Protein backbone atom coordinates (compact mmCIF):
# COMPACT_ATOMS: atom_id res chain seq x y z
CA MET A 1 90.86 -82.67 27.09
CA SER A 2 89.84 -85.89 28.82
CA PRO A 3 86.16 -86.91 28.71
CA SER A 4 85.88 -86.52 32.50
CA LYS A 5 86.68 -82.81 32.17
CA LEU A 6 83.61 -82.40 29.96
CA VAL A 7 81.13 -83.92 32.42
CA PRO A 8 78.71 -81.36 33.90
CA GLU A 9 78.75 -81.41 37.68
CA ILE A 10 75.15 -82.66 37.95
CA TYR A 11 76.00 -85.75 35.86
CA ARG A 12 79.20 -86.29 37.85
CA ARG A 13 77.19 -86.25 41.08
CA LEU A 14 74.72 -88.76 39.65
CA GLY A 15 77.43 -90.99 38.25
CA VAL A 16 76.22 -90.64 34.65
CA ARG A 17 78.79 -90.69 31.85
CA PRO A 18 78.57 -88.49 28.73
CA VAL A 19 78.13 -89.97 25.26
CA ILE A 20 79.14 -89.01 21.75
CA HIS A 21 75.88 -89.07 19.82
CA ALA A 22 76.65 -89.89 16.18
CA SER A 23 73.31 -91.55 15.47
CA GLY A 24 71.15 -88.48 14.92
CA THR A 25 68.77 -87.05 17.49
CA THR A 26 67.61 -90.27 19.14
CA THR A 27 65.80 -89.54 22.40
CA ARG A 28 67.45 -92.48 24.20
CA TYR A 29 70.85 -90.82 23.82
CA GLY A 30 69.77 -87.35 24.87
CA GLY A 31 68.06 -86.00 21.75
CA SER A 32 69.87 -82.77 20.92
CA ARG A 33 71.46 -79.84 22.72
CA LEU A 34 69.05 -77.16 23.89
CA ARG A 35 69.71 -73.78 22.28
CA PRO A 36 71.07 -71.16 24.74
CA GLU A 37 68.37 -68.74 23.54
CA ALA A 38 65.68 -71.29 24.38
CA LEU A 39 67.20 -71.88 27.81
CA GLU A 40 67.15 -68.15 28.49
CA ALA A 41 63.52 -67.91 27.38
CA MET A 42 62.67 -70.75 29.77
CA ARG A 43 64.46 -69.00 32.62
CA GLU A 44 62.63 -65.77 31.86
CA ALA A 45 59.25 -67.51 31.63
CA SER A 46 59.84 -69.20 34.99
CA THR A 47 59.81 -65.89 36.84
CA THR A 48 56.13 -65.06 36.20
CA LEU A 49 52.86 -66.98 36.28
CA VAL A 50 50.43 -66.84 33.35
CA ASN A 51 47.17 -68.44 32.27
CA LEU A 52 48.11 -71.60 30.33
CA ASP A 53 45.09 -71.39 28.03
CA GLU A 54 46.14 -67.88 27.01
CA LEU A 55 49.78 -68.93 26.57
CA ASN A 56 48.84 -71.99 24.53
CA GLU A 57 46.75 -69.85 22.20
CA ALA A 58 49.38 -67.11 21.84
CA ALA A 59 52.26 -69.54 21.29
CA GLY A 60 50.20 -71.55 18.81
CA ALA A 61 49.36 -68.41 16.85
CA ALA A 62 53.03 -67.39 16.75
CA ILE A 63 54.11 -70.83 15.54
CA ALA A 64 51.31 -70.96 12.96
CA ARG A 65 52.51 -67.65 11.49
CA MET A 66 56.06 -69.00 11.23
CA LEU A 67 54.84 -72.19 9.53
CA GLY A 68 52.17 -70.66 7.32
CA ALA A 69 49.56 -72.97 8.85
CA GLU A 70 46.00 -72.15 9.92
CA ALA A 71 46.82 -72.99 13.53
CA ALA A 72 49.33 -74.77 15.75
CA PHE A 73 49.72 -76.17 19.25
CA VAL A 74 52.70 -76.99 21.47
CA THR A 75 52.68 -80.63 22.57
CA ALA A 76 54.70 -82.65 25.07
CA GLY A 77 56.79 -84.22 22.30
CA ALA A 78 56.00 -85.70 18.89
CA SER A 79 54.55 -88.91 20.36
CA SER A 80 52.20 -86.82 22.49
CA GLY A 81 51.27 -85.13 19.23
CA LEU A 82 50.15 -88.48 17.81
CA ILE A 83 47.93 -89.12 20.83
CA LEU A 84 46.35 -85.70 20.40
CA GLN A 85 45.94 -86.23 16.65
CA GLY A 86 43.97 -89.37 17.38
CA ALA A 87 41.94 -87.78 20.17
CA ALA A 88 41.07 -84.74 18.04
CA CYS A 89 39.92 -86.86 15.09
CA ILE A 90 37.93 -89.30 17.24
CA ALA A 91 36.40 -87.08 19.94
CA GLY A 92 36.62 -83.68 18.27
CA THR A 93 35.30 -80.90 20.49
CA ASP A 94 32.48 -82.96 22.03
CA PRO A 95 32.90 -82.79 25.84
CA ALA A 96 31.09 -86.10 26.37
CA LYS A 97 33.41 -87.93 23.95
CA ILE A 98 36.51 -86.16 25.27
CA THR A 99 35.85 -87.34 28.82
CA ARG A 100 35.23 -90.92 27.63
CA LEU A 101 38.56 -91.40 25.89
CA PRO A 102 40.18 -93.88 25.48
CA ASP A 103 36.80 -95.68 25.52
CA THR A 104 35.72 -95.15 21.92
CA ARG A 105 32.90 -97.68 21.65
CA GLY A 106 30.25 -96.36 19.30
CA MET A 107 32.53 -93.64 17.89
CA ARG A 108 34.31 -93.29 14.57
CA ASN A 109 37.57 -94.70 15.89
CA GLU A 110 39.40 -96.43 13.04
CA ILE A 111 42.72 -95.04 11.84
CA VAL A 112 43.88 -96.44 8.50
CA ILE A 113 47.62 -96.88 8.02
CA GLN A 114 49.81 -98.48 5.36
CA ARG A 115 51.67 -101.59 6.49
CA ALA A 116 54.94 -99.96 5.39
CA HIS A 117 54.18 -97.13 7.82
CA ARG A 118 53.67 -99.27 10.91
CA PHE A 119 56.31 -98.19 13.41
CA ALA A 120 57.34 -98.44 17.04
CA TYR A 121 55.33 -95.43 18.18
CA ASP A 122 52.00 -95.92 16.40
CA GLN A 123 50.81 -97.27 19.75
CA ALA A 124 50.13 -93.61 20.51
CA TYR A 125 47.07 -93.73 18.28
CA ARG A 126 45.75 -96.67 20.30
CA VAL A 127 46.36 -94.75 23.52
CA ALA A 128 43.72 -92.31 22.26
CA GLY A 129 41.33 -95.20 21.63
CA GLY A 130 42.12 -95.54 17.96
CA VAL A 131 41.79 -98.89 16.20
CA LEU A 132 44.51 -99.29 13.57
CA VAL A 133 43.38 -100.69 10.22
CA GLU A 134 46.41 -101.89 8.27
CA ILE A 135 46.41 -101.92 4.47
CA GLY A 136 48.82 -103.05 1.77
CA LEU A 137 52.01 -105.08 1.89
CA ALA A 138 55.37 -104.25 3.43
CA ARG A 139 56.59 -102.59 0.22
CA ARG A 140 53.41 -101.93 -1.75
CA THR A 141 50.01 -100.33 -1.29
CA GLN A 142 47.38 -99.98 -4.00
CA PRO A 143 45.00 -97.00 -4.11
CA PHE A 144 41.95 -99.27 -4.06
CA GLU A 145 43.12 -100.73 -0.73
CA LEU A 146 42.86 -97.32 0.92
CA GLU A 147 39.55 -96.61 -0.80
CA ASP A 148 38.09 -99.90 0.45
CA ALA A 149 39.39 -99.41 3.99
CA ILE A 150 37.63 -96.06 4.51
CA THR A 151 34.18 -96.61 6.01
CA GLU A 152 31.75 -94.80 8.27
CA ARG A 153 33.98 -95.96 11.16
CA THR A 154 37.09 -94.17 9.84
CA ALA A 155 38.32 -91.27 11.95
CA ALA A 156 41.56 -90.55 10.07
CA VAL A 157 44.27 -91.86 7.77
CA ALA A 158 47.76 -91.86 9.32
CA TYR A 159 50.86 -91.18 7.24
CA LEU A 160 54.47 -91.60 8.41
CA VAL A 161 57.25 -89.44 6.96
CA SER A 162 60.50 -90.97 8.14
CA PRO A 163 63.70 -92.39 6.60
CA PHE A 164 63.41 -95.83 5.01
CA THR A 165 59.61 -96.06 5.41
CA SER A 166 58.33 -95.09 1.97
CA PRO A 167 59.52 -97.57 -0.67
CA PRO A 168 58.48 -96.76 -4.25
CA GLY A 169 55.41 -99.01 -4.19
CA THR A 170 53.66 -97.25 -1.32
CA LEU A 171 51.11 -94.47 -1.61
CA SER A 172 52.47 -90.93 -1.58
CA LEU A 173 51.09 -88.30 0.77
CA GLU A 174 49.44 -86.59 -2.19
CA GLN A 175 47.66 -89.82 -3.17
CA VAL A 176 46.51 -90.44 0.41
CA VAL A 177 45.22 -86.87 0.74
CA ALA A 178 43.27 -87.09 -2.52
CA ILE A 179 41.58 -90.37 -1.57
CA ALA A 180 40.90 -89.49 2.06
CA HIS A 181 39.62 -85.97 1.42
CA LYS A 182 37.26 -87.24 -1.26
CA ARG A 183 35.61 -89.23 1.53
CA GLY A 184 35.76 -86.39 4.07
CA VAL A 185 38.45 -88.06 6.19
CA PRO A 186 41.41 -86.11 7.65
CA VAL A 187 45.03 -87.12 7.06
CA ILE A 188 47.34 -87.03 10.08
CA VAL A 189 51.11 -87.02 9.56
CA ASP A 190 54.00 -87.97 11.82
CA ALA A 191 57.11 -86.07 10.68
CA ALA A 192 58.85 -86.08 14.05
CA SER A 193 62.43 -86.47 12.87
CA MET A 194 62.28 -84.73 9.50
CA LEU A 195 63.89 -81.40 10.47
CA PRO A 196 66.02 -80.09 8.90
CA PRO A 197 65.39 -79.41 6.04
CA ARG A 198 63.31 -76.43 7.05
CA GLU A 199 61.06 -76.76 4.03
CA ASN A 200 59.45 -79.73 5.77
CA LEU A 201 57.86 -77.35 8.28
CA THR A 202 55.50 -76.19 5.54
CA LYS A 203 55.69 -78.94 2.92
CA PHE A 204 53.19 -81.41 4.37
CA VAL A 205 50.48 -78.89 5.21
CA ARG A 206 50.84 -77.50 1.69
CA ALA A 207 50.40 -81.05 0.40
CA GLY A 208 47.02 -81.20 2.14
CA ALA A 209 47.80 -82.89 5.48
CA ASP A 210 45.27 -81.89 8.14
CA LEU A 211 47.50 -82.30 11.21
CA VAL A 212 51.30 -82.69 11.22
CA SER A 213 53.36 -83.65 14.26
CA TYR A 214 56.98 -82.53 14.70
CA SER A 215 59.48 -82.91 17.51
CA GLY A 216 60.34 -79.65 19.24
CA GLY A 217 63.66 -81.07 20.38
CA LYS A 218 65.67 -82.94 17.73
CA GLY A 219 66.46 -80.63 14.79
CA ILE A 220 64.77 -77.51 16.18
CA ARG A 221 66.79 -77.87 19.40
CA GLY A 222 64.02 -76.65 21.65
CA PRO A 223 63.10 -78.37 24.92
CA GLN A 224 63.45 -82.10 24.26
CA SER A 225 60.02 -82.91 25.72
CA THR A 226 58.12 -80.60 23.37
CA GLY A 227 56.57 -80.93 19.94
CA ILE A 228 54.44 -79.07 17.43
CA LEU A 229 51.09 -79.88 15.88
CA ALA A 230 50.24 -77.75 12.87
CA GLY A 231 47.24 -77.83 10.57
CA ARG A 232 43.53 -77.13 10.31
CA ARG A 233 42.10 -74.59 12.73
CA ASP A 234 39.13 -76.73 13.73
CA LEU A 235 41.32 -79.75 14.45
CA ILE A 236 43.82 -77.69 16.44
CA ARG A 237 40.87 -76.44 18.51
CA ALA A 238 39.96 -80.08 19.15
CA VAL A 239 43.59 -80.80 20.03
CA ALA A 240 43.57 -78.01 22.61
CA LEU A 241 40.40 -79.29 24.26
CA ASN A 242 41.85 -82.81 24.48
CA ALA A 243 45.13 -81.51 25.94
CA SER A 244 46.41 -80.09 29.21
CA PRO A 245 45.47 -78.02 31.19
CA ASN A 246 42.01 -79.53 30.57
CA GLN A 247 40.71 -82.63 32.33
CA ALA A 248 41.22 -84.82 29.30
CA LEU A 249 43.37 -87.67 27.99
CA GLY A 250 46.15 -85.24 27.11
CA ARG A 251 46.46 -84.05 30.69
CA ALA A 252 49.07 -86.76 31.22
CA ALA A 253 51.30 -85.08 28.64
CA LYS A 254 51.33 -81.50 29.86
CA THR A 255 53.73 -78.79 28.77
CA SER A 256 54.96 -76.11 31.15
CA LYS A 257 55.03 -72.38 30.50
CA GLU A 258 58.83 -72.63 30.37
CA GLU A 259 58.79 -75.35 27.70
CA ILE A 260 56.22 -73.53 25.58
CA CYS A 261 58.23 -70.30 25.55
CA GLY A 262 61.49 -72.16 25.00
CA LEU A 263 60.09 -73.88 21.93
CA VAL A 264 58.79 -70.66 20.38
CA VAL A 265 62.23 -69.05 20.69
CA ALA A 266 64.01 -72.20 19.45
CA LEU A 267 61.81 -72.28 16.36
CA GLU A 268 62.57 -68.61 15.65
CA CYS A 269 66.30 -69.38 15.85
CA PHE A 270 65.94 -72.51 13.72
CA LEU A 271 64.20 -70.62 10.93
CA ALA A 272 66.77 -67.81 11.01
CA GLU A 273 69.78 -70.09 10.46
CA ASP A 274 71.64 -70.49 7.17
CA GLU A 275 70.74 -74.03 6.12
CA LYS A 276 73.20 -74.10 3.22
CA ALA A 277 76.09 -73.31 5.58
CA GLU A 278 74.76 -75.85 8.08
CA MET A 279 74.70 -78.60 5.46
CA LYS A 280 78.24 -77.74 4.34
CA ARG A 281 79.43 -78.06 7.92
CA TYR A 282 77.81 -81.49 8.22
CA HIS A 283 79.33 -82.55 4.89
CA ASP A 284 82.80 -81.49 6.03
CA VAL A 285 82.44 -83.47 9.26
CA CYS A 286 81.34 -86.56 7.33
CA THR A 287 84.19 -86.17 4.87
CA THR A 288 86.66 -86.21 7.75
CA VAL A 289 85.21 -89.52 8.97
CA ALA A 290 85.05 -91.05 5.49
CA GLU A 291 88.63 -90.12 4.58
CA ALA A 292 89.93 -91.66 7.80
CA LEU A 293 88.45 -95.05 6.85
CA ALA A 294 88.75 -95.02 3.06
CA ASP A 295 91.92 -97.16 2.86
CA ILE A 296 90.58 -100.13 4.85
CA PRO A 297 90.27 -103.13 2.46
CA GLY A 298 86.79 -104.52 1.95
CA LEU A 299 84.95 -101.31 2.82
CA ARG A 300 83.21 -98.74 0.67
CA VAL A 301 83.03 -95.48 2.62
CA VAL A 302 81.00 -92.61 1.18
CA VAL A 303 79.23 -89.41 2.17
CA GLU A 304 75.53 -89.75 1.32
CA GLN A 305 72.66 -87.29 1.29
CA ASP A 306 69.23 -87.50 -0.33
CA GLY A 307 65.79 -86.03 0.19
CA VAL A 308 64.20 -89.12 1.70
CA ASN A 309 66.40 -91.51 3.64
CA ARG A 310 69.40 -89.40 4.61
CA VAL A 311 68.20 -85.81 4.62
CA LEU A 312 71.44 -84.72 6.28
CA PRO A 313 74.86 -85.77 4.96
CA HIS A 314 75.96 -89.06 6.56
CA ALA A 315 79.31 -90.84 6.52
CA VAL A 316 78.34 -94.39 5.54
CA VAL A 317 80.47 -97.53 5.82
CA TYR A 318 79.32 -100.30 3.46
CA PHE A 319 80.74 -103.83 3.69
CA THR A 320 81.70 -105.32 0.32
CA PRO A 321 81.79 -109.08 -0.45
CA GLU A 322 85.55 -108.95 0.17
CA TRP A 323 85.11 -107.84 3.77
CA VAL A 324 86.51 -110.31 6.34
CA GLY A 325 86.35 -108.22 9.48
CA PRO A 326 83.72 -107.80 12.22
CA SER A 327 80.04 -107.27 11.43
CA GLY A 328 78.47 -103.86 11.51
CA HIS A 329 76.50 -104.83 14.58
CA ALA A 330 79.64 -105.97 16.42
CA VAL A 331 81.32 -102.65 15.68
CA GLN A 332 78.27 -100.71 16.84
CA VAL A 333 78.16 -102.62 20.13
CA ALA A 334 81.90 -102.15 20.71
CA LEU A 335 81.60 -98.39 20.20
CA ALA A 336 78.61 -98.15 22.54
CA GLN A 337 80.37 -100.12 25.26
CA GLY A 338 83.71 -98.37 24.88
CA GLU A 339 85.07 -95.25 26.51
CA PRO A 340 83.77 -92.77 25.62
CA HIS A 341 80.38 -94.26 24.71
CA ILE A 342 79.80 -93.64 21.00
CA TYR A 343 76.46 -94.31 19.34
CA VAL A 344 76.23 -94.76 15.56
CA GLN A 345 73.46 -95.93 13.26
CA GLN A 346 73.69 -99.50 12.04
CA GLY A 347 71.64 -101.85 9.89
CA ALA A 348 68.13 -101.90 8.51
CA HIS A 349 66.54 -102.16 11.96
CA GLN A 350 67.82 -98.64 12.74
CA GLY A 351 67.06 -97.11 9.40
CA GLY A 352 69.42 -98.35 6.75
CA TYR A 353 69.71 -100.44 3.62
CA PHE A 354 71.81 -103.42 4.72
CA ASP A 355 74.39 -103.99 7.45
CA GLU A 356 76.07 -100.63 6.96
CA ILE A 357 77.25 -98.25 9.66
CA ALA A 358 76.22 -94.61 9.34
CA VAL A 359 77.49 -91.56 11.18
CA ASP A 360 74.96 -88.74 11.53
CA PRO A 361 76.85 -85.48 12.23
CA PHE A 362 73.99 -83.44 13.72
CA ASN A 363 75.04 -83.73 17.36
CA LEU A 364 78.81 -84.01 16.88
CA GLN A 365 80.74 -81.23 18.56
CA PRO A 366 84.00 -79.87 17.12
CA GLY A 367 86.68 -82.54 17.35
CA GLU A 368 84.28 -85.41 18.09
CA GLU A 369 84.31 -86.50 14.46
CA GLN A 370 87.99 -87.33 14.88
CA ILE A 371 87.26 -89.42 17.99
CA VAL A 372 84.48 -91.25 16.14
CA ALA A 373 86.73 -91.90 13.12
CA ALA A 374 89.58 -93.18 15.29
CA ARG A 375 87.33 -95.55 17.25
CA LEU A 376 85.67 -96.82 14.07
CA ARG A 377 89.06 -97.52 12.56
CA GLU A 378 90.20 -99.28 15.72
CA GLU A 379 87.19 -101.60 15.78
CA LEU A 380 87.00 -102.19 12.03
CA THR A 381 90.65 -103.25 11.89
CA ARG A 382 90.47 -105.42 15.00
CA ARG A 383 91.30 -109.05 14.19
């Protein structure tokens, strides 16, 4: 079937072309496909009006039960969750402080973060009025550096859980929790893209994190503009007061009744799925890609999966010293500009070790792995 046959009418009318998303669940390329069950829940929710405070509380309670957390809250995406983490830790439930944000003069407003954990979206903490205090080196942080950085001005310690951001020399979440909690400081975690595996929905709270932010789109496949905050009951209460529908900083990142209900149903579906079978399916897709490229001289093509950097199986193309063809970046650009548009992961700037190309199977639909493999082969063998 030609790509044009697969274009939904709304995209055809707008002149927007579909893409093959082989680089994970990146928001720029559409995130992930909304579950039909979530779409139906959104349709159903749209037919009746409810009090948003009541819905927020009920949905949060349902999510907290599923996650084994004290409390939870539906956010307008994982980045919105970071803003609300910062607001909750800085302003708490104090109405005077809440209405002043992002003006945090005179408040405990410092958020300590390891240099290795600085990332493109930590600006969200500054949106809430947080002042980032960076500690350590790019690949090493010592416990005493965190201990020294915590002062009477510290509102929280931020911790990023994401591929290729925790080299062996950095502090673990358990170490950060032990040091921060000894000083009465909460630990806030960004785990936006770390689902699946499903164990990550409970792992970080069990490790002592006080607030954890997840994307509600991406792996859960709920509404793309939703997220989850899970953690301490008192901090989730502060989150709610700093969020919509209140007149607070979080008003700019509101969630609708349809999105809230869609996320609850998507999470139920996500938790009910057979993860072992899911991982086997991803592995089979990656094997198809790897086998199609294995005979090209100068390449080492493997299927990789580990618990930190590639939590799903990936088909990875490494360039050996004998390689004389195009660079990984050149291949990535050619795929993105071709027809159909294909997006793959490439290089350390996108989460990688070197110049390698990686195919993430999460969003690949049946048969797309063959298109990806054929286009990769075409560009890799171009001379």
